[in-house]
Amino acid sequence: MKMILMGLYFLFVLNVFADSVISKGEVYINGQKATKTSVVKLGDFIKTGKNSKVKFNIGKDAFLANADTKFSIEEKGGLKTLNVVTGGVLAVFGKGGSKHEVKTENMTAGIRGTGVYVEHIDGKSYFCTCYGETQLNTAKAHKSYEAKHHNMAWVLADGTIKPAKKLRDHNDDELRELEAMVGRIPPFDN
């Protein structure tokens, strides 16, 4: 009985942290249409089409991209970077291990064991620290954010940071789904 339980636990852990891709609509990884067997790796470039979404994990980090989004996740010198060219990405990052940052054309945010949503469109960025700590840096400003449950800002094309009043294009259920992919629950549910 003990061996069966150990085997089930091992399969559960492997399944929880198995890199997987769940997509709807037109999704491309490095220019190739995503299939049921596709896997996203560090360094890949992802593009979603109109009315499309993609959800995947890379180790302890999980991502959900909305329609009309172009982005990559790269690693250099122990720093993992979510680079959003256009569109919106919701991401949850595991604590410990690698350092993380999120970039758009006009901002960089340092991340620690955090859930964030970033959207870049028409030269400006919307950035939400859903929970955790972030350090938002632009050409004009440096701000620290801490959130237990959503702290939002707009970064204008010139780097000016302004508070955002409304939650945009992401929700708590999506955060729960992403955290579940990597065997966690969001801190706001603890």
Protein backbone atom coordinates (compact mmCIF):
# COMPACT_ATOMS: atom_id res chain seq x y z
CA MET A 1 0.00 0.00 0.00
CA LYS A 2 2.83 2.37 0.89
CA MET A 3 4.45 1.77 -2.53
CA ILE A 4 1.17 2.52 -4.33
CA LEU A 5 0.74 5.80 -2.43
CA MET A 6 4.35 6.78 -3.13
CA GLY A 7 3.84 5.97 -6.83
CA LEU A 8 0.65 8.04 -7.01
CA TYR A 9 2.37 10.96 -5.24
CA PHE A 10 5.30 10.75 -7.69
CA LEU A 11 2.93 10.77 -10.70
CA PHE A 12 1.01 13.72 -9.21
CA VAL A 13 4.21 15.75 -8.71
CA LEU A 14 5.42 14.93 -12.23
CA ASN A 15 2.06 15.89 -13.71
CA VAL A 16 1.81 19.15 -11.75
CA PHE A 17 5.17 20.42 -12.94
CA ALA A 18 5.05 18.91 -16.43
CA ASP A 19 5.39 21.65 -19.01
CA SER A 20 2.16 21.76 -20.98
CA VAL A 21 0.40 23.96 -23.52
CA ILE A 22 -3.36 24.48 -23.64
CA SER A 23 -4.46 26.64 -26.55
CA LYS A 24 -7.60 27.91 -28.25
CA GLY A 25 -7.58 29.42 -31.72
CA GLU A 26 -4.49 30.38 -33.69
CA VAL A 27 -1.35 30.03 -31.55
CA TYR A 28 2.19 29.95 -32.96
CA ILE A 29 5.43 28.95 -31.26
CA ASN A 30 8.49 30.12 -33.18
CA GLY A 31 6.30 30.55 -36.27
CA GLN A 32 4.91 26.99 -36.12
CA LYS A 33 1.23 26.39 -35.33
CA ALA A 34 0.85 24.94 -31.81
CA THR A 35 -0.46 21.37 -31.54
CA LYS A 36 -1.63 19.17 -28.65
CA THR A 37 1.96 17.99 -28.20
CA SER A 38 3.60 21.44 -28.30
CA VAL A 39 5.79 22.58 -25.43
CA VAL A 40 7.01 26.13 -24.80
CA LYS A 41 10.66 26.42 -23.77
CA LEU A 42 12.80 29.33 -22.66
CA GLY A 43 13.79 31.35 -25.73
CA ASP A 44 10.61 30.58 -27.69
CA PHE A 45 8.59 33.35 -29.34
CA ILE A 46 4.81 32.99 -28.94
CA LYS A 47 2.11 34.68 -31.01
CA THR A 48 -1.66 34.42 -30.55
CA GLY A 49 -4.19 35.34 -33.21
CA LYS A 50 -7.55 37.05 -32.98
CA ASN A 51 -9.97 35.30 -30.53
CA SER A 52 -7.11 33.05 -29.35
CA LYS A 53 -5.54 32.20 -25.99
CA VAL A 54 -2.66 30.07 -24.79
CA LYS A 55 -1.88 28.80 -21.29
CA PHE A 56 1.34 26.97 -20.39
CA ASN A 57 3.96 26.48 -17.73
CA ILE A 58 7.73 26.37 -17.76
CA GLY A 59 8.76 24.66 -14.52
CA LYS A 60 7.35 26.60 -11.54
CA ASP A 61 6.17 29.55 -13.66
CA ALA A 62 2.85 29.65 -15.57
CA PHE A 63 1.53 32.01 -18.25
CA LEU A 64 -1.77 32.91 -19.94
CA ALA A 65 -1.69 35.05 -23.09
CA ASN A 66 -4.73 36.81 -24.53
CA ALA A 67 -5.60 37.29 -28.22
CA ASP A 68 -3.31 39.30 -30.50
CA THR A 69 -0.28 38.91 -28.22
CA LYS A 70 3.40 38.55 -29.14
CA PHE A 71 5.95 37.70 -26.44
CA SER A 72 8.92 35.57 -25.41
CA ILE A 73 10.41 34.20 -22.21
CA GLU A 74 14.19 34.19 -22.18
CA GLU A 75 16.91 33.39 -19.69
CA LYS A 76 20.29 35.01 -19.55
CA GLY A 77 22.72 34.76 -16.63
CA GLY A 78 20.08 33.33 -14.25
CA LEU A 79 17.56 36.09 -15.05
CA LYS A 80 14.29 35.00 -16.69
CA THR A 81 12.62 37.76 -18.72
CA LEU A 82 9.01 37.85 -19.91
CA ASN A 83 9.27 40.23 -22.87
CA VAL A 84 5.84 41.41 -24.09
CA VAL A 85 5.99 43.04 -27.54
CA THR A 86 2.25 43.60 -27.83
CA GLY A 87 -0.93 42.29 -26.20
CA GLY A 88 -1.46 40.93 -22.69
CA VAL A 89 0.10 38.17 -20.55
CA LEU A 90 -0.89 37.00 -17.07
CA ALA A 91 1.97 35.26 -15.25
CA VAL A 92 2.66 33.61 -11.90
CA PHE A 93 6.23 33.03 -10.78
CA GLY A 94 7.53 30.54 -8.23
CA LYS A 95 9.54 31.74 -5.25
CA GLY A 96 13.24 31.09 -4.93
CA GLY A 97 15.65 29.96 -7.60
CA SER A 98 15.83 32.24 -10.64
CA LYS A 99 15.32 35.98 -10.70
CA HIS A 100 12.50 37.25 -12.91
CA GLU A 101 11.59 40.44 -14.74
CA VAL A 102 8.84 41.61 -17.07
CA LYS A 103 9.61 43.98 -19.95
CA THR A 104 7.74 46.01 -22.51
CA GLU A 105 8.98 48.75 -24.81
CA ASN A 106 8.64 51.39 -22.06
CA MET A 107 9.10 49.58 -18.70
CA THR A 108 10.88 46.85 -16.77
CA ALA A 109 9.51 45.27 -13.60
CA GLY A 110 11.56 43.17 -11.20
CA ILE A 111 9.52 40.28 -9.79
CA ARG A 112 9.61 38.19 -6.59
CA GLY A 113 7.30 35.15 -6.14
CA THR A 114 4.58 37.20 -7.71
CA GLY A 115 1.48 37.14 -9.88
CA VAL A 116 1.38 39.90 -12.51
CA TYR A 117 -0.53 40.98 -15.58
CA VAL A 118 1.12 43.13 -18.24
CA GLU A 119 -0.41 44.52 -21.40
CA HIS A 120 1.39 46.60 -24.00
CA ILE A 121 -0.63 48.33 -26.69
CA ASP A 122 -0.23 51.53 -28.71
CA GLY A 123 3.02 52.52 -26.97
CA LYS A 124 1.73 52.35 -23.39
CA SER A 125 1.68 49.56 -20.82
CA TYR A 126 -0.81 48.48 -18.19
CA PHE A 127 0.87 46.68 -15.29
CA CYS A 128 -0.86 44.94 -12.37
CA THR A 129 0.92 43.46 -9.39
CA CYS A 130 -1.79 40.90 -8.62
CA TYR A 131 0.07 39.80 -5.45
CA GLY A 132 3.62 39.94 -4.19
CA GLU A 133 6.28 42.57 -4.73
CA THR A 134 7.47 44.32 -7.88
CA GLN A 135 9.89 47.10 -8.71
CA LEU A 136 8.63 49.09 -11.72
CA ASN A 137 11.29 51.04 -13.64
CA THR A 138 10.84 53.40 -16.57
CA ALA A 139 12.87 56.19 -18.18
CA LYS A 140 11.14 58.67 -15.81
CA ALA A 141 10.29 56.79 -12.63
CA HIS A 142 11.09 53.96 -10.23
CA LYS A 143 8.27 52.66 -8.03
CA SER A 144 7.87 49.74 -5.67
CA TYR A 145 4.56 47.92 -5.51
CA GLU A 146 3.30 45.46 -2.95
CA ALA A 147 -0.07 43.82 -3.27
CA LYS A 148 -2.12 41.17 -1.59
CA HIS A 149 -4.84 41.61 -4.20
CA HIS A 150 -4.18 43.82 -7.28
CA ASN A 151 -2.24 47.08 -7.46
CA MET A 152 -2.47 48.58 -10.97
CA ALA A 153 -0.64 51.25 -12.96
CA TRP A 154 -0.41 52.67 -16.47
CA VAL A 155 3.02 53.41 -17.95
CA LEU A 156 2.69 56.04 -20.67
CA ALA A 157 4.90 56.06 -23.77
CA ASP A 158 7.25 58.63 -22.20
CA GLY A 159 7.72 56.51 -19.02
CA THR A 160 5.33 58.43 -16.78
CA ILE A 161 3.59 56.10 -14.28
CA LYS A 162 -0.04 56.79 -13.39
CA PRO A 163 -2.39 54.79 -11.14
CA ALA A 164 -4.97 52.65 -12.94
CA LYS A 165 -8.48 52.59 -11.51
CA LYS A 166 -9.83 49.37 -13.05
CA LEU A 167 -8.72 45.77 -13.32
CA ARG A 168 -8.11 45.09 -17.00
CA ASP A 169 -8.36 41.82 -18.99
CA HIS A 170 -7.53 39.35 -16.18
CA ASN A 171 -9.29 37.91 -13.13
CA ASP A 172 -8.83 35.87 -9.97
CA ASP A 173 -10.09 32.62 -11.51
CA GLU A 174 -7.38 32.83 -14.18
CA LEU A 175 -4.77 33.35 -11.44
CA ARG A 176 -6.16 30.28 -9.63
CA GLU A 177 -5.89 28.22 -12.85
CA LEU A 178 -2.28 29.24 -13.43
CA GLU A 179 -1.24 28.56 -9.84
CA ALA A 180 -2.99 25.15 -9.98
CA MET A 181 -0.89 24.27 -13.05
CA VAL A 182 2.22 24.48 -10.87
CA GLY A 183 0.76 23.00 -7.68
CA ARG A 184 0.05 26.19 -5.74
CA ILE A 185 -2.89 28.37 -4.72
CA PRO A 186 -2.82 32.19 -4.89
CA PRO A 187 -2.02 33.95 -1.60
CA PHE A 188 -5.39 35.75 -1.60
CA ASP A 189 -7.05 32.32 -1.13
CA ASN A 190 -4.93 31.42 1.93
